Every structure is written in structure tokens, then in C-alpha cells.
C-alpha atoms as a PDB file:
ATOM      1  CA  UNK A   1      43.174 -59.636-133.364  1.00  0.00           C
ATOM      2  CA  UNK A   2      43.102 -56.523-135.500  1.00  0.00           C
ATOM      3  CA  UNK A   3      45.317 -53.988-137.261  1.00  0.00           C
ATOM      4  CA  UNK A   4      46.140 -51.072-134.956  1.00  0.00           C
ATOM      5  CA  UNK A   5      48.537 -49.107-137.193  1.00  0.00           C
ATOM      6  CA  UNK A   6      49.593 -48.898-140.825  1.00  0.00           C
ATOM      7  CA  UNK A   7      52.847 -47.133-141.706  1.00  0.00           C
ATOM      8  CA  UNK A   8      54.349 -45.990-144.989  1.00  0.00           C
ATOM      9  CA  UNK A   9      57.882 -44.618-145.358  1.00  0.00           C
ATOM     10  CA  UNK A  10      57.917 -42.770-148.714  1.00  0.00           C
ATOM     11  CA  UNK A  11      61.710 -42.230-148.562  1.00  0.00           C
ATOM     12  CA  UNK A  12      63.746 -45.135-147.237  1.00  0.00           C
ATOM     13  CA  UNK A  13      64.982 -44.141-143.782  1.00  0.00           C
ATOM     14  CA  UNK A  14      62.767 -41.049-143.640  1.00  0.00           C
ATOM     15  CA  UNK A  15      59.799 -40.159-141.462  1.00  0.00           C
ATOM     16  CA  UNK A  16      56.797 -42.500-141.415  1.00  0.00           C
ATOM     17  CA  UNK A  17      53.235 -41.638-142.406  1.00  0.00           C
ATOM     18  CA  UNK A  18      50.248 -43.406-140.852  1.00  0.00           C
ATOM     19  CA  UNK A  19      47.246 -43.710-143.179  1.00  0.00           C
ATOM     20  CA  UNK A  20      43.930 -45.143-142.041  1.00  0.00           C
ATOM     21  CA  UNK A  21      43.876 -47.301-145.190  1.00  0.00           C
ATOM     22  CA  UNK A  22      46.392 -48.311-147.847  1.00  0.00           C
ATOM     23  CA  UNK A  23      46.505 -50.201-151.112  1.00  0.00           C
ATOM     24  CA  UNK A  24      48.598 -53.354-150.938  1.00  0.00           C
ATOM     25  CA  UNK A  25      50.691 -53.978-154.037  1.00  0.00           C
ATOM     26  CA  UNK A  26      52.880 -57.032-154.742  1.00  0.00           C
ATOM     27  CA  UNK A  27      55.938 -55.061-153.544  1.00  0.00           C
ATOM     28  CA  UNK A  28      54.238 -53.788-150.383  1.00  0.00           C
ATOM     29  CA  UNK A  29      52.064 -50.852-149.348  1.00  0.00           C
ATOM     30  CA  UNK A  30      51.579 -48.316-152.126  1.00  0.00           C
ATOM     31  CA  UNK A  31      54.186 -45.580-151.801  1.00  0.00           C
ATOM     32  CA  UNK A  32      56.309 -47.370-149.206  1.00  0.00           C
ATOM     33  CA  UNK A  33      60.065 -46.987-149.716  1.00  0.00           C
ATOM     34  CA  UNK A  34      59.780 -46.124-153.404  1.00  0.00           C
ATOM     35  CA  UNK A  35      62.261 -43.238-152.977  1.00  0.00           C
ATOM     36  CA  UNK A  36      65.759 -43.461-151.559  1.00  0.00           C
ATOM     37  CA  UNK A  37      68.831 -41.359-150.875  1.00  0.00           C
ATOM     38  CA  UNK A  38      72.192 -42.630-152.093  1.00  0.00           C
ATOM     39  CA  UNK A  39      75.770 -41.487-151.578  1.00  0.00           C
ATOM     40  CA  UNK A  40      78.340 -40.620-154.225  1.00  0.00           C
ATOM     41  CA  UNK A  41      78.948 -44.312-154.902  1.00  0.00           C
ATOM     42  CA  UNK A  42      75.224 -44.988-155.427  1.00  0.00           C
ATOM     43  CA  UNK A  43      74.895 -46.923-152.173  1.00  0.00           C
ATOM     44  CA  UNK A  44      71.774 -46.382-150.075  1.00  0.00           C
ATOM     45  CA  UNK A  45      72.000 -44.075-147.062  1.00  0.00           C
ATOM     46  CA  UNK A  46      70.138 -45.022-143.892  1.00  0.00           C
ATOM     47  CA  UNK A  47      69.728 -44.025-140.259  1.00  0.00           C
ATOM     48  CA  UNK A  48      72.373 -46.611-139.390  1.00  0.00           C
ATOM     49  CA  UNK A  49      75.103 -44.195-140.382  1.00  0.00           C
ATOM     50  CA  UNK A  50      73.093 -40.931-140.480  1.00  0.00           C
ATOM     51  CA  UNK A  51      70.391 -40.676-137.767  1.00  0.00           C
ATOM     52  CA  UNK A  52      69.113 -37.192-138.833  1.00  0.00           C
ATOM     53  CA  UNK A  53      67.553 -38.867-141.874  1.00  0.00           C
ATOM     54  CA  UNK A  54      64.702 -39.757-139.489  1.00  0.00           C
ATOM     55  CA  UNK A  55      63.606 -36.099-139.651  1.00  0.00           C
ATOM     56  CA  UNK A  56      63.155 -35.986-143.428  1.00  0.00           C
ATOM     57  CA  UNK A  57      59.428 -35.743-144.118  1.00  0.00           C
ATOM     58  CA  UNK A  58      58.052 -36.813-147.486  1.00  0.00           C
ATOM     59  CA  UNK A  59      54.422 -36.573-148.557  1.00  0.00           C
ATOM     60  CA  UNK A  60      53.649 -38.205-151.904  1.00  0.00           C
ATOM     61  CA  UNK A  61      50.768 -37.198-154.148  1.00  0.00           C
ATOM     62  CA  UNK A  62      49.772 -37.859-157.758  1.00  0.00           C
ATOM     63  CA  UNK A  63      52.115 -35.140-159.036  1.00  0.00           C
ATOM     64  CA  UNK A  64      55.235 -35.937-157.058  1.00  0.00           C
ATOM     65  CA  UNK A  65      56.816 -35.738-153.628  1.00  0.00           C
ATOM     66  CA  UNK A  66      56.703 -32.899-151.087  1.00  0.00           C
ATOM     67  CA  UNK A  67      59.929 -32.892-149.050  1.00  0.00           C
ATOM     68  CA  UNK A  68      60.667 -30.969-145.864  1.00  0.00           C
ATOM     69  CA  UNK A  69      63.446 -30.992-143.308  1.00  0.00           C
ATOM     70  CA  UNK A  70      63.442 -29.037-140.025  1.00  0.00           C
ATOM     71  CA  UNK A  71      67.157 -28.367-139.885  1.00  0.00           C
ATOM     72  CA  UNK A  72      69.527 -29.851-137.313  1.00  0.00           C
ATOM     73  CA  UNK A  73      72.965 -29.152-135.891  1.00  0.00           C
ATOM     74  CA  UNK A  74      73.014 -25.558-137.066  1.00  0.00           C
ATOM     75  CA  UNK A  75      72.157 -26.500-140.661  1.00  0.00           C
ATOM     76  CA  UNK A  76      69.073 -24.831-142.098  1.00  0.00           C
ATOM     77  CA  UNK A  77      66.239 -26.999-143.351  1.00  0.00           C
ATOM     78  CA  UNK A  78      63.634 -26.192-145.946  1.00  0.00           C
ATOM     79  CA  UNK A  79      60.922 -27.480-148.262  1.00  0.00           C
ATOM     80  CA  UNK A  80      60.987 -28.695-151.839  1.00  0.00           C
ATOM     81  CA  UNK A  81      58.561 -30.282-154.298  1.00  0.00           C
ATOM     82  CA  UNK A  82      59.879 -33.023-156.577  1.00  0.00           C
ATOM     83  CA  UNK A  83      57.657 -33.650-159.634  1.00  0.00           C
ATOM     84  CA  UNK A  84      57.124 -37.247-160.723  1.00  0.00           C
ATOM     85  CA  UNK A  85      60.351 -38.231-162.434  1.00  0.00           C
ATOM     86  CA  UNK A  86      60.119 -38.999-166.146  1.00  0.00           C
ATOM     87  CA  UNK A  87      62.907 -41.525-165.770  1.00  0.00           C
ATOM     88  CA  UNK A  88      65.154 -40.302-168.544  1.00  0.00           C
ATOM     89  CA  UNK A  89      68.030 -39.772-166.110  1.00  0.00           C
ATOM     90  CA  UNK A  90      69.010 -43.120-164.567  1.00  0.00           C
ATOM     91  CA  UNK A  91      71.421 -44.320-161.906  1.00  0.00           C
ATOM     92  CA  UNK A  92      72.511 -47.810-160.876  1.00  0.00           C
ATOM     93  CA  UNK A  93      72.061 -47.895-157.093  1.00  0.00           C
ATOM     94  CA  UNK A  94      72.745 -50.568-154.492  1.00  0.00           C
ATOM     95  CA  UNK A  95      70.579 -51.850-151.644  1.00  0.00           C
ATOM     96  CA  UNK A  96      72.754 -54.305-149.759  1.00  0.00           C
ATOM     97  CA  UNK A  97      73.851 -56.825-152.421  1.00  0.00           C
ATOM     98  CA  UNK A  98      71.207 -55.825-154.992  1.00  0.00           C
ATOM     99  CA  UNK A  99      71.753 -53.372-157.827  1.00  0.00           C
ATOM    100  CA  UNK A 100      68.711 -51.458-159.073  1.00  0.00           C
ATOM    101  CA  UNK A 101      68.260 -49.253-162.130  1.00  0.00           C
ATOM    102  CA  UNK A 102      66.484 -46.202-160.674  1.00  0.00           C
ATOM    103  CA  UNK A 103      65.235 -42.825-161.887  1.00  0.00           C
ATOM    104  CA  UNK A 104      67.429 -39.926-160.746  1.00  0.00           C
ATOM    105  CA  UNK A 105      66.109 -36.619-159.377  1.00  0.00           C
ATOM    106  CA  UNK A 106      67.256 -33.236-160.681  1.00  0.00           C
ATOM    107  CA  UNK A 107      70.471 -31.553-159.584  1.00  0.00           C
ATOM    108  CA  UNK A 108      68.732 -28.789-157.600  1.00  0.00           C
ATOM    109  CA  UNK A 109      66.798 -31.321-155.508  1.00  0.00           C
ATOM    110  CA  UNK A 110      69.963 -33.304-154.848  1.00  0.00           C
ATOM    111  CA  UNK A 111      71.785 -30.124-153.847  1.00  0.00           C
ATOM    112  CA  UNK A 112      69.009 -29.190-151.388  1.00  0.00           C
ATOM    113  CA  UNK A 113      69.010 -32.624-149.767  1.00  0.00           C
ATOM    114  CA  UNK A 114      72.811 -32.605-149.541  1.00  0.00           C
ATOM    115  CA  UNK A 115      72.684 -29.198-147.837  1.00  0.00           C
ATOM    116  CA  UNK A 116      69.971 -30.233-145.379  1.00  0.00           C
ATOM    117  CA  UNK A 117      71.616 -33.495-144.340  1.00  0.00           C
ATOM    118  CA  UNK A 118      75.205 -32.382-144.532  1.00  0.00           C
ATOM    119  CA  UNK A 119      76.663 -34.912-146.968  1.00  0.00           C
ATOM    120  CA  UNK A 120      76.639 -35.453-150.753  1.00  0.00           C
ATOM    121  CA  UNK A 121      73.358 -37.148-151.637  1.00  0.00           C
ATOM    122  CA  UNK A 122      71.203 -38.003-154.608  1.00  0.00           C
ATOM    123  CA  UNK A 123      67.496 -38.872-154.592  1.00  0.00           C
ATOM    124  CA  UNK A 124      66.308 -41.800-156.684  1.00  0.00           C
ATOM    125  CA  UNK A 125      62.896 -43.277-157.441  1.00  0.00           C
ATOM    126  CA  UNK A 126      61.860 -46.911-157.903  1.00  0.00           C
ATOM    127  CA  UNK A 127      59.774 -46.434-161.050  1.00  0.00           C
ATOM    128  CA  UNK A 128      58.080 -48.723-163.573  1.00  0.00           C
ATOM    129  CA  UNK A 129      61.437 -49.563-165.156  1.00  0.00           C
ATOM    130  CA  UNK A 130      63.059 -50.602-161.865  1.00  0.00           C
ATOM    131  CA  UNK A 131      63.227 -54.270-160.889  1.00  0.00           C
ATOM    132  CA  UNK A 132      64.173 -56.090-157.685  1.00  0.00           C
ATOM    133  CA  UNK A 133      63.052 -59.337-156.034  1.00  0.00           C
ATOM    134  CA  UNK A 134      63.277 -60.794-152.530  1.00  0.00           C
ATOM    135  CA  UNK A 135      65.931 -63.352-151.660  1.00  0.00           C
ATOM    136  CA  UNK A 136      65.172 -66.835-152.996  1.00  0.00           C
ATOM    137  CA  UNK A 137      66.507 -68.195-149.688  1.00  0.00           C
ATOM    138  CA  UNK A 138      63.174 -67.323-148.067  1.00  0.00           C
ATOM    139  CA  UNK A 139      60.519 -67.527-150.775  1.00  0.00           C
ATOM    140  CA  UNK A 140      59.775 -70.036-153.483  1.00  0.00           C
ATOM    141  CA  UNK A 141      58.798 -67.426-156.097  1.00  0.00           C
ATOM    142  CA  UNK A 142      60.217 -64.159-157.376  1.00  0.00           C
ATOM    143  CA  UNK A 143      58.258 -61.720-155.209  1.00  0.00           C
ATOM    144  CA  UNK A 144      59.003 -58.079-156.100  1.00  0.00           C
ATOM    145  CA  UNK A 145      60.281 -55.563-153.575  1.00  0.00           C
ATOM    146  CA  UNK A 146      61.142 -51.863-153.783  1.00  0.00           C
ATOM    147  CA  UNK A 147      63.840 -50.134-151.741  1.00  0.00           C
ATOM    148  CA  UNK A 148      62.940 -51.882-148.458  1.00  0.00           C
ATOM    149  CA  UNK A 149      65.856 -53.729-146.881  1.00  0.00           C
ATOM    150  CA  UNK A 150      64.716 -57.080-148.205  1.00  0.00           C
ATOM    151  CA  UNK A 151      60.973 -57.779-148.098  1.00  0.00           C
ATOM    152  CA  UNK A 152      57.715 -56.008-149.027  1.00  0.00           C
ATOM    153  CA  UNK A 153      56.276 -55.771-145.495  1.00  0.00           C
ATOM    154  CA  UNK A 154      57.298 -55.767-141.856  1.00  0.00           C
ATOM    155  CA  UNK A 155      54.750 -56.973-139.294  1.00  0.00           C
ATOM    156  CA  UNK A 156      54.961 -56.375-135.526  1.00  0.00           C
ATOM    157  CA  UNK A 157      52.623 -56.755-132.555  1.00  0.00           C
ATOM    158  CA  UNK A 158      51.825 -54.439-129.663  1.00  0.00           C
ATOM    159  CA  UNK A 159      52.007 -57.351-127.210  1.00  0.00           C
ATOM    160  CA  UNK A 160      55.611 -58.116-128.159  1.00  0.00           C
ATOM    161  CA  UNK A 161      56.599 -54.464-127.730  1.00  0.00           C
ATOM    162  CA  UNK A 162      54.885 -54.411-124.340  1.00  0.00           C
ATOM    163  CA  UNK A 163      56.837 -57.480-123.210  1.00  0.00           C
ATOM    164  CA  UNK A 164      60.103 -56.042-124.529  1.00  0.00           C
ATOM    165  CA  UNK A 165      59.486 -52.766-122.692  1.00  0.00           C
ATOM    166  CA  UNK A 166      58.631 -54.618-119.489  1.00  0.00           C
ATOM    167  CA  UNK A 167      62.067 -56.223-119.612  1.00  0.00           C
ATOM    168  CA  UNK A 168      63.808 -52.951-120.489  1.00  0.00           C
ATOM    169  CA  UNK A 169      62.178 -51.073-117.613  1.00  0.00           C
ATOM    170  CA  UNK A 170      62.815 -53.923-115.153  1.00  0.00           C
ATOM    171  CA  UNK A 171      66.554 -53.536-115.758  1.00  0.00           C
ATOM    172  CA  UNK A 172      66.459 -49.749-115.340  1.00  0.00           C
ATOM    173  CA  UNK A 173      66.058 -48.644-118.950  1.00  0.00           C
ATOM    174  CA  UNK A 174      63.496 -46.467-120.696  1.00  0.00           C
ATOM    175  CA  UNK A 175      60.656 -47.983-122.730  1.00  0.00           C
ATOM    176  CA  UNK A 176      60.896 -47.521-126.499  1.00  0.00           C
ATOM    177  CA  UNK A 177      58.032 -46.703-128.911  1.00  0.00           C
ATOM    178  CA  UNK A 178      57.020 -48.889-131.840  1.00  0.00           C
ATOM    179  CA  UNK A 179      58.354 -46.238-134.231  1.00  0.00           C
ATOM    180  CA  UNK A 180      61.896 -47.406-133.441  1.00  0.00           C
ATOM    181  CA  UNK A 181      61.141 -50.644-135.354  1.00  0.00           C
ATOM    182  CA  UNK A 182      59.525 -48.974-138.387  1.00  0.00           C
ATOM    183  CA  UNK A 183      56.934 -51.696-139.150  1.00  0.00           C
ATOM    184  CA  UNK A 184      54.341 -51.409-141.920  1.00  0.00           C
ATOM    185  CA  UNK A 185      51.614 -53.203-140.010  1.00  0.00           C
ATOM    186  CA  UNK A 186      51.047 -53.487-136.251  1.00  0.00           C
ATOM    187  CA  UNK A 187      48.687 -56.120-134.845  1.00  0.00           C
ATOM    188  CA  UNK A 188      46.754 -55.762-131.576  1.00  0.00           C
ATOM    189  CA  UNK A 189      45.333 -58.624-129.530  1.00  0.00           C
ATOM    190  CA  UNK A 190      48.060 -61.279-129.808  1.00  0.00           C
ATOM    191  CA  UNK A 191      50.157 -62.877-127.085  1.00  0.00           C
ATOM    192  CA  UNK A 192      53.768 -61.662-126.803  1.00  0.00           C
ATOM    193  CA  UNK A 193      55.854 -63.077-129.650  1.00  0.00           C
ATOM    194  CA  UNK A 194      53.028 -65.306-130.831  1.00  0.00           C
ATOM    195  CA  UNK A 195      54.043 -64.162-134.330  1.00  0.00           C
ATOM    196  CA  UNK A 196      57.015 -66.561-134.154  1.00  0.00           C
ATOM    197  CA  UNK A 197      54.488 -69.317-134.749  1.00  0.00           C
ATOM    198  CA  UNK A 198      52.572 -67.629-137.594  1.00  0.00           C
ATOM    199  CA  UNK A 199      53.405 -68.894-141.065  1.00  0.00           C
ATOM    200  CA  UNK A 200      50.559 -66.948-142.702  1.00  0.00           C
ATOM    201  CA  UNK A 201      47.890 -64.495-141.562  1.00  0.00           C
ATOM    202  CA  UNK A 202      44.796 -63.065-143.186  1.00  0.00           C
ATOM    203  CA  UNK A 203      44.393 -59.310-142.842  1.00  0.00           C
ATOM    204  CA  UNK A 204      41.060 -58.092-144.129  1.00  0.00           C
ATOM    205  CA  UNK A 205      40.825 -59.531-147.645  1.00  0.00           C
ATOM    206  CA  UNK A 206      44.490 -60.441-148.136  1.00  0.00           C
ATOM    207  CA  UNK A 207      46.867 -63.162-146.945  1.00  0.00           C
ATOM    208  CA  UNK A 208      50.445 -62.449-145.890  1.00  0.00           C
ATOM    209  CA  UNK A 209      53.160 -65.074-145.630  1.00  0.00           C
ATOM    210  CA  UNK A 210      55.524 -64.391-142.728  1.00  0.00           C
ATOM    211  CA  UNK A 211      58.743 -65.663-144.237  1.00  0.00           C
ATOM    212  CA  UNK A 212      61.615 -64.472-142.023  1.00  0.00           C
ATOM    213  CA  UNK A 213      62.072 -62.852-138.603  1.00  0.00           C
ATOM    214  CA  UNK A 214      63.607 -59.393-138.758  1.00  0.00           C
ATOM    215  CA  UNK A 215      67.122 -59.026-137.358  1.00  0.00           C
ATOM    216  CA  UNK A 216      67.410 -55.623-135.758  1.00  0.00           C
ATOM    217  CA  UNK A 217      70.187 -53.055-136.140  1.00  0.00           C
ATOM    218  CA  UNK A 218      71.283 -49.671-134.775  1.00  0.00           C
ATOM    219  CA  UNK A 219      68.268 -47.918-136.348  1.00  0.00           C
ATOM    220  CA  UNK A 220      66.218 -49.147-133.371  1.00  0.00           C
ATOM    221  CA  UNK A 221      68.364 -46.960-131.085  1.00  0.00           C
ATOM    222  CA  UNK A 222      67.508 -43.776-133.031  1.00  0.00           C
ATOM    223  CA  UNK A 223      64.827 -41.454-131.630  1.00  0.00           C
ATOM    224  CA  UNK A 224      62.540 -40.994-134.630  1.00  0.00           C
ATOM    225  CA  UNK A 225      61.355 -37.579-133.419  1.00  0.00           C
ATOM    226  CA  UNK A 226      64.799 -36.144-132.710  1.00  0.00           C
ATOM    227  CA  UNK A 227      66.988 -37.904-135.267  1.00  0.00           C
ATOM    228  CA  UNK A 228      69.690 -38.932-132.804  1.00  0.00           C
ATOM    229  CA  UNK A 229      70.933 -42.094-131.158  1.00  0.00           C
ATOM    230  CA  UNK A 230      69.646 -42.661-127.638  1.00  0.00           C
ATOM    231  CA  UNK A 231      71.846 -45.422-126.180  1.00  0.00           C
ATOM    232  CA  UNK A 232      71.931 -49.208-126.179  1.00  0.00           C
ATOM    233  CA  UNK A 233      68.209 -50.030-125.986  1.00  0.00           C
ATOM    234  CA  UNK A 234      66.330 -51.933-127.277  1.00  0.00           C
ATOM    235  CA  UNK A 235      69.245 -53.951-128.706  1.00  0.00           C
ATOM    236  CA  UNK A 236      70.792 -54.749-125.315  1.00  0.00           C
ATOM    237  CA  UNK A 237      67.596 -56.281-123.948  1.00  0.00           C
ATOM    238  CA  UNK A 238      66.718 -58.064-127.187  1.00  0.00           C
ATOM    239  CA  UNK A 239      70.187 -59.610-127.058  1.00  0.00           C
ATOM    240  CA  UNK A 240      69.354 -61.226-123.726  1.00  0.00           C
ATOM    241  CA  UNK A 241      66.217 -63.064-124.828  1.00  0.00           C
ATOM    242  CA  UNK A 242      65.615 -62.698-128.570  1.00  0.00           C
ATOM    243  CA  UNK A 243      68.861 -63.841-130.190  1.00  0.00           C
ATOM    244  CA  UNK A 244      68.263 -66.069-133.217  1.00  0.00           C
ATOM    245  CA  UNK A 245      69.255 -69.703-132.903  1.00  0.00           C
ATOM    246  CA  UNK A 246      69.200 -70.168-136.689  1.00  0.00           C
ATOM    247  CA  UNK A 247      72.603 -69.528-138.357  1.00  0.00           C
ATOM    248  CA  UNK A 248      70.825 -68.746-141.621  1.00  0.00           C
ATOM    249  CA  UNK A 249      69.179 -65.726-139.949  1.00  0.00           C
ATOM    250  CA  UNK A 250      71.524 -64.415-137.225  1.00  0.00           C
ATOM    251  CA  UNK A 251      70.968 -61.427-134.980  1.00  0.00           C
ATOM    252  CA  UNK A 252      68.514 -60.181-132.385  1.00  0.00           C
ATOM    253  CA  UNK A 253      64.923 -60.417-133.539  1.00  0.00           C
ATOM    254  CA  UNK A 254      61.792 -58.265-133.413  1.00  0.00           C
ATOM    255  CA  UNK A 255      58.981 -58.378-135.976  1.00  0.00           C
ATOM    256  CA  UNK A 256      58.528 -60.509-139.092  1.00  0.00           C
ATOM    257  CA  UNK A 257      59.181 -59.852-142.755  1.00  0.00           C
ATOM    258  CA  UNK A 258      56.151 -60.703-144.874  1.00  0.00           C
ATOM    259  CA  UNK A 259      55.191 -61.207-148.513  1.00  0.00           C
ATOM    260  CA  UNK A 260      51.607 -60.684-149.765  1.00  0.00           C
ATOM    261  CA  UNK A 261      50.042 -63.477-151.779  1.00  0.00           C
ATOM    262  CA  UNK A 262      47.965 -61.049-153.821  1.00  0.00           C
ATOM    263  CA  UNK A 263      47.184 -57.318-154.025  1.00  0.00           C
ATOM    264  CA  UNK A 264      44.364 -55.870-151.975  1.00  0.00           C
ATOM    265  CA  UNK A 265      43.515 -53.212-149.426  1.00  0.00           C
ATOM    266  CA  UNK A 266      44.430 -52.856-145.764  1.00  0.00           C
ATOM    267  CA  UNK A 267      42.683 -50.718-143.167  1.00  0.00           C
ATOM    268  CA  UNK A 268      43.210 -49.876-139.532  1.00  0.00           C
ATOM    269  CA  UNK A 269      40.750 -52.083-137.652  1.00  0.00           C
ATOM    270  CA  UNK A 270      40.890 -54.952-140.158  1.00  0.00           C
ATOM    271  CA  UNK A 271      40.533 -58.344-138.445  1.00  0.00           C
ATOM    272  CA  UNK A 272      43.678 -60.469-138.357  1.00  0.00           C
ATOM    273  CA  UNK A 273      43.527 -64.250-138.270  1.00  0.00           C
ATOM    274  CA  UNK A 274      46.228 -66.909-138.292  1.00  0.00           C
ATOM    275  CA  UNK A 275      45.657 -69.193-141.282  1.00  0.00           C
ATOM    276  CA  UNK A 276      48.893 -71.234-141.167  1.00  0.00           C
ATOM    277  CA  UNK A 277      51.218 -71.948-138.270  1.00  0.00           C
ATOM    278  CA  UNK A 278      54.952 -72.602-138.052  1.00  0.00           C
ATOM    279  CA  UNK A 279      55.595 -75.783-136.117  1.00  0.00           C
ATOM    280  CA  UNK A 280      57.891 -75.142-133.206  1.00  0.00           C
ATOM    281  CA  UNK A 281      57.941 -71.370-133.791  1.00  0.00           C
ATOM    282  CA  UNK A 282      61.404 -69.915-134.430  1.00  0.00           C
ATOM    283  CA  UNK A 283      64.535 -71.223-132.713  1.00  0.00           C
ATOM    284  CA  UNK A 284      66.144 -68.824-130.249  1.00  0.00           C
ATOM    285  CA  UNK A 285      69.628 -69.106-128.774  1.00  0.00           C
ATOM    286  CA  UNK A 286      69.662 -70.373-125.198  1.00  0.00           C
END
């Protein structure tokens, strides 16, 4: 097995970037989901409630973040550069049940983003003063995480997507691309859903613990190139054969949340090897 794709989402919910190599930090791939848009209450905004967020492109560099938006629904887009925030302006923001002290972008940037996306927004950055850890229900330690939904990494396999699409097409639907699931790392060469039995994998020179299957939501129905919802798939088909049988982790499942054991480097083409297995895989509802 080997890594086929690496993906970084600089702004949570925004467009993905696909580097050939990436530095792996304790809280995930460098630059992944370190920026986030929040509403007037400080709660994170995602494609669940605002699909056009998929069209927001963000390119980070050493000096800051280059933002661009193509415009949608008659609203003009534009481009803007956001310098690295000094962190003097702060805002308490929420990601699900977690509250994070984040650096707040300037008023002009927030006004531009609000105009592009058509609702009052503020941009925040997970900087050196920000702190958040994964749920202790799934890990023994206090692993750090940025603005991702809950874990540093999301791992998926091409074989599982192929099997899912076979089932979708068999029932008259249209196949969906991997981008709908927004993983950080895609593995080639496995059997379909073999990842249910992986407790830990080595990827190049690092080891990742696969700690929890990922319950999927309405984001998977959003076309990542058009920023609009496309119907019931893949959730309808996943609901027929990938519904969790574990009350602690309900929902329909695709991909696995992972935590790195140590920092390192990941590259497209890195060999992937299973180093620990999960006895019995993961229980699915009958």
C-alpha cells in the first residue's frame, strides 16, 4: 500500500490543497485547518449550513494567507492577502463543544469575507496561544488538534471509495469523488474497508493511530467544485451498508480519524503498512 494523495485545508470548510509532501505536526499536517470562519456568535461556519464555502481558496505562505473567492449567486468575489496575525486581537470561538482562544483578523478582511459569502463572518487563526485537545473518549493522552472537527487527521482509501461508488451506481446514482469526504491522507492498494481493522499504520517514517471511524454529514453531498448541494448521495447508500453499530459513535461511516504518535514528514508515494490491528474490525448495524 502507498499514499496516493495528501490534502490540506488551510481554512476550515474551504478549498483543499494537494501538496506532494507535508510536514506532520502533533495537531496534524502543517497548515491544515489553522484558520476558520465564525459567525456573529463566534461559532464555526461550515459547508453544512453554507455550501459556497467550498469555493473559498486559501494559499498560506510564510507571510500570511492569500484568499480568493470566485463569486457566486450574483455576489462578486475577489482576492485579499491577510498578513500573519500578531494575536493582539482575540476572540473566544467554538468548534462543537470546545471553546478556543483564537487570533482575530482585521475588520477589512472580515468585511470582504462577509461580502463574498453573503453573511456576517469573522476570520480567526489558531496561533501559538491557542489550545485544544481531542476527546479523551478516544485517546489515552491529551493529543492537540486545531480547528478540525475533532482529530488531527482523516484517513481514507481508494478501494473503499470504489466499493461505495459501485453500490451508488448500481442503484442508479452518480459516483462521487474523494473530495466530498475531505480526507488528509488517501491510501492506495488496500481492500475495501480494510481500514476498519487497522488500529495503527506506519506511513513513511511515522505511525498513526486510527482511533475512531468518521461519521459523515451533509458536507459529503456538496460538490466541492461548484459549492452547492447535489442530492442524497453518498449518505443514502452509506446508510444502507455502513451504519455504525456502536452507540458511542453513531452515524454512517467513511474514513478513519487518526492521531500521529510523533511528528515527521509525509509524501505522496510513501509506503503504508499495518502495524496494529483491531480485532473484529468495527461493528456495523445489521
